[in-house]
Amino acid sequence: MVQSPLPNNEDGAFRCPICRKPVPSIDEPFFPFCCQKCKLIDLGNWVDGKYMLTRPLDPTDELDEPPSP
């Protein structure tokens, strides 16, 4: 089961991670993006190497709370 992402701003609205426009609902066809264009821009960023994972994921990355120091 996929968890619903939390709203990403203080007014409780979801925002597109590319253009920051409000996304009305998680039921939108391109969620979390506002449109196909933003979704493709994000994909292009991954392909171009603008995004990368800095380390392998481990099971503790799935915790709701960060591990205590």
N, C-alpha and C. Protein backbone atom coordinates (compact mmCIF):
# COMPACT_ATOMS: atom_id res chain seq x y z
N MET A 1 0.84 -1.19 0.00
CA MET A 1 0.00 0.00 0.00
C MET A 1 0.89 1.25 0.00
N VAL A 2 0.59 2.20 -0.87
CA VAL A 2 1.36 3.43 -0.97
C VAL A 2 0.77 4.46 -0.02
N GLN A 3 1.64 5.09 0.76
CA GLN A 3 1.17 6.13 1.66
C GLN A 3 0.92 7.41 0.88
N SER A 4 -0.08 8.15 1.30
CA SER A 4 -0.33 9.46 0.70
C SER A 4 0.71 10.44 1.18
N PRO A 5 1.31 11.21 0.28
CA PRO A 5 2.27 12.20 0.72
C PRO A 5 1.57 13.31 1.50
N LEU A 6 2.30 13.94 2.36
CA LEU A 6 1.75 15.04 3.15
C LEU A 6 1.76 16.32 2.34
N PRO A 7 0.87 17.25 2.64
CA PRO A 7 0.92 18.56 1.97
C PRO A 7 2.30 19.17 2.18
N ASN A 8 2.80 19.87 1.19
CA ASN A 8 4.17 20.38 1.29
C ASN A 8 4.24 21.90 1.44
N ASN A 9 3.23 22.47 2.06
CA ASN A 9 3.36 23.87 2.47
C ASN A 9 2.42 24.15 3.61
N GLU A 10 2.56 25.31 4.20
CA GLU A 10 1.83 25.62 5.43
C GLU A 10 0.33 25.80 5.24
N ASP A 11 -0.15 26.07 4.04
CA ASP A 11 -1.60 26.22 3.86
C ASP A 11 -2.29 24.88 3.60
N GLY A 12 -1.55 23.79 3.64
CA GLY A 12 -2.13 22.47 3.48
C GLY A 12 -2.31 22.03 2.04
N ALA A 13 -1.86 22.84 1.08
CA ALA A 13 -2.00 22.49 -0.33
C ALA A 13 -0.78 21.70 -0.79
N PHE A 14 -1.00 20.82 -1.75
CA PHE A 14 0.11 20.16 -2.40
C PHE A 14 0.64 21.11 -3.46
N ARG A 15 1.94 21.14 -3.63
CA ARG A 15 2.57 21.99 -4.64
C ARG A 15 3.40 21.14 -5.58
N CYS A 16 3.36 21.48 -6.85
CA CYS A 16 4.17 20.80 -7.85
C CYS A 16 5.64 21.02 -7.50
N PRO A 17 6.45 19.96 -7.46
CA PRO A 17 7.85 20.13 -7.11
C PRO A 17 8.67 20.87 -8.17
N ILE A 18 8.14 21.02 -9.37
CA ILE A 18 8.87 21.71 -10.43
C ILE A 18 8.49 23.19 -10.49
N CYS A 19 7.21 23.51 -10.64
CA CYS A 19 6.80 24.91 -10.83
C CYS A 19 6.16 25.52 -9.59
N ARG A 20 5.88 24.69 -8.58
CA ARG A 20 5.30 25.13 -7.30
C ARG A 20 3.84 25.57 -7.40
N LYS A 21 3.15 25.31 -8.53
CA LYS A 21 1.72 25.60 -8.62
C LYS A 21 0.96 24.63 -7.72
N PRO A 22 -0.18 25.06 -7.17
CA PRO A 22 -0.97 24.13 -6.35
C PRO A 22 -1.48 22.95 -7.17
N VAL A 23 -1.48 21.79 -6.56
CA VAL A 23 -2.05 20.58 -7.15
C VAL A 23 -3.26 20.25 -6.28
N PRO A 24 -4.47 20.34 -6.83
CA PRO A 24 -5.68 20.25 -6.03
C PRO A 24 -5.85 18.96 -5.23
N SER A 25 -5.39 17.84 -5.77
CA SER A 25 -5.72 16.57 -5.13
C SER A 25 -4.69 15.51 -5.50
N ILE A 26 -4.55 14.51 -4.63
CA ILE A 26 -3.65 13.40 -4.97
C ILE A 26 -4.26 12.51 -6.05
N ASP A 27 -5.51 12.77 -6.42
CA ASP A 27 -6.17 12.01 -7.47
C ASP A 27 -5.91 12.58 -8.87
N GLU A 28 -5.16 13.67 -8.95
CA GLU A 28 -4.84 14.26 -10.25
C GLU A 28 -4.00 13.28 -11.06
N PRO A 29 -4.15 13.24 -12.38
CA PRO A 29 -3.46 12.23 -13.19
C PRO A 29 -1.94 12.33 -13.17
N PHE A 30 -1.37 13.49 -12.90
CA PHE A 30 0.08 13.64 -12.91
C PHE A 30 0.68 13.85 -11.53
N PHE A 31 -0.12 13.63 -10.49
CA PHE A 31 0.33 13.85 -9.12
C PHE A 31 1.66 13.16 -8.88
N PRO A 32 2.63 13.80 -8.24
CA PRO A 32 2.57 15.05 -7.50
C PRO A 32 2.82 16.28 -8.36
N PHE A 33 2.88 16.11 -9.66
CA PHE A 33 3.10 17.23 -10.57
C PHE A 33 1.77 17.82 -11.00
N CYS A 34 1.80 19.07 -11.47
CA CYS A 34 0.55 19.73 -11.88
C CYS A 34 0.15 19.36 -13.30
N CYS A 35 1.11 18.93 -14.12
CA CYS A 35 0.81 18.63 -15.52
C CYS A 35 1.88 17.69 -16.08
N GLN A 36 1.62 17.22 -17.28
CA GLN A 36 2.57 16.31 -17.92
C GLN A 36 3.91 17.00 -18.19
N LYS A 37 3.88 18.28 -18.54
CA LYS A 37 5.12 19.00 -18.82
C LYS A 37 6.05 18.97 -17.61
N CYS A 38 5.53 19.25 -16.41
CA CYS A 38 6.36 19.23 -15.21
C CYS A 38 6.86 17.82 -14.91
N LYS A 39 6.01 16.83 -15.16
CA LYS A 39 6.41 15.44 -14.95
C LYS A 39 7.59 15.09 -15.87
N LEU A 40 7.53 15.53 -17.12
CA LEU A 40 8.60 15.25 -18.07
C LEU A 40 9.87 16.03 -17.74
N ILE A 41 9.73 17.25 -17.23
CA ILE A 41 10.89 18.02 -16.79
C ILE A 41 11.61 17.27 -15.66
N ASP A 42 10.84 16.75 -14.72
CA ASP A 42 11.41 16.00 -13.61
C ASP A 42 12.13 14.74 -14.12
N LEU A 43 11.50 14.02 -15.04
CA LEU A 43 12.13 12.83 -15.62
C LEU A 43 13.44 13.21 -16.30
N GLY A 44 13.42 14.31 -17.06
CA GLY A 44 14.64 14.78 -17.72
C GLY A 44 15.73 15.12 -16.73
N ASN A 45 15.36 15.68 -15.58
CA ASN A 45 16.36 15.99 -14.55
C ASN A 45 17.02 14.72 -14.04
N TRP A 46 16.26 13.65 -13.86
CA TRP A 46 16.84 12.38 -13.44
C TRP A 46 17.77 11.84 -14.53
N VAL A 47 17.31 11.86 -15.78
CA VAL A 47 18.11 11.32 -16.88
C VAL A 47 19.41 12.11 -17.05
N ASP A 48 19.35 13.43 -16.90
CA ASP A 48 20.53 14.27 -17.05
C ASP A 48 21.49 14.20 -15.86
N GLY A 49 21.09 13.50 -14.80
CA GLY A 49 21.96 13.38 -13.63
C GLY A 49 21.88 14.55 -12.68
N LYS A 50 20.85 15.39 -12.81
CA LYS A 50 20.70 16.52 -11.90
C LYS A 50 20.25 16.07 -10.52
N TYR A 51 19.60 14.92 -10.45
CA TYR A 51 19.21 14.31 -9.19
C TYR A 51 20.04 13.04 -9.03
N MET A 52 20.39 12.74 -7.81
CA MET A 52 21.06 11.47 -7.57
C MET A 52 20.89 11.07 -6.12
N LEU A 53 20.96 9.79 -5.87
CA LEU A 53 20.95 9.28 -4.52
C LEU A 53 22.38 9.33 -4.02
N THR A 54 22.56 9.87 -2.83
CA THR A 54 23.92 10.04 -2.31
C THR A 54 24.45 8.80 -1.63
N ARG A 55 23.56 7.89 -1.28
CA ARG A 55 23.96 6.64 -0.64
C ARG A 55 22.86 5.62 -0.88
N PRO A 56 23.19 4.35 -0.74
CA PRO A 56 22.13 3.34 -0.87
C PRO A 56 21.09 3.51 0.23
N LEU A 57 19.85 3.23 -0.09
CA LEU A 57 18.78 3.28 0.91
C LEU A 57 18.91 2.08 1.84
N ASP A 58 18.54 2.28 3.10
CA ASP A 58 18.50 1.16 4.02
C ASP A 58 17.14 1.16 4.73
N PRO A 59 16.80 0.09 5.40
CA PRO A 59 15.45 -0.02 5.99
C PRO A 59 15.09 1.11 6.95
N THR A 60 16.05 1.72 7.62
CA THR A 60 15.72 2.79 8.56
C THR A 60 15.26 4.06 7.85
N ASP A 61 15.47 4.16 6.54
CA ASP A 61 15.00 5.32 5.79
C ASP A 61 13.48 5.38 5.73
N GLU A 62 12.81 4.29 6.01
CA GLU A 62 11.35 4.23 5.94
C GLU A 62 10.67 4.64 7.25
N LEU A 63 11.43 4.99 8.26
CA LEU A 63 10.86 5.34 9.55
C LEU A 63 10.12 6.66 9.46
N ASP A 64 9.04 6.80 10.25
CA ASP A 64 8.28 8.06 10.29
C ASP A 64 9.08 9.14 11.01
N GLU A 65 9.88 8.75 11.98
CA GLU A 65 10.67 9.71 12.75
C GLU A 65 12.15 9.48 12.43
N PRO A 66 12.94 10.55 12.38
CA PRO A 66 14.37 10.35 12.14
C PRO A 66 15.01 9.62 13.32
N PRO A 67 16.04 8.81 13.05
CA PRO A 67 16.69 8.12 14.15
C PRO A 67 17.33 9.12 15.11
N SER A 68 17.30 8.80 16.37
CA SER A 68 17.91 9.70 17.35
C SER A 68 19.43 9.59 17.29
N PRO A 69 20.12 10.71 17.51
CA PRO A 69 21.59 10.71 17.39
C PRO A 69 22.28 9.92 18.47
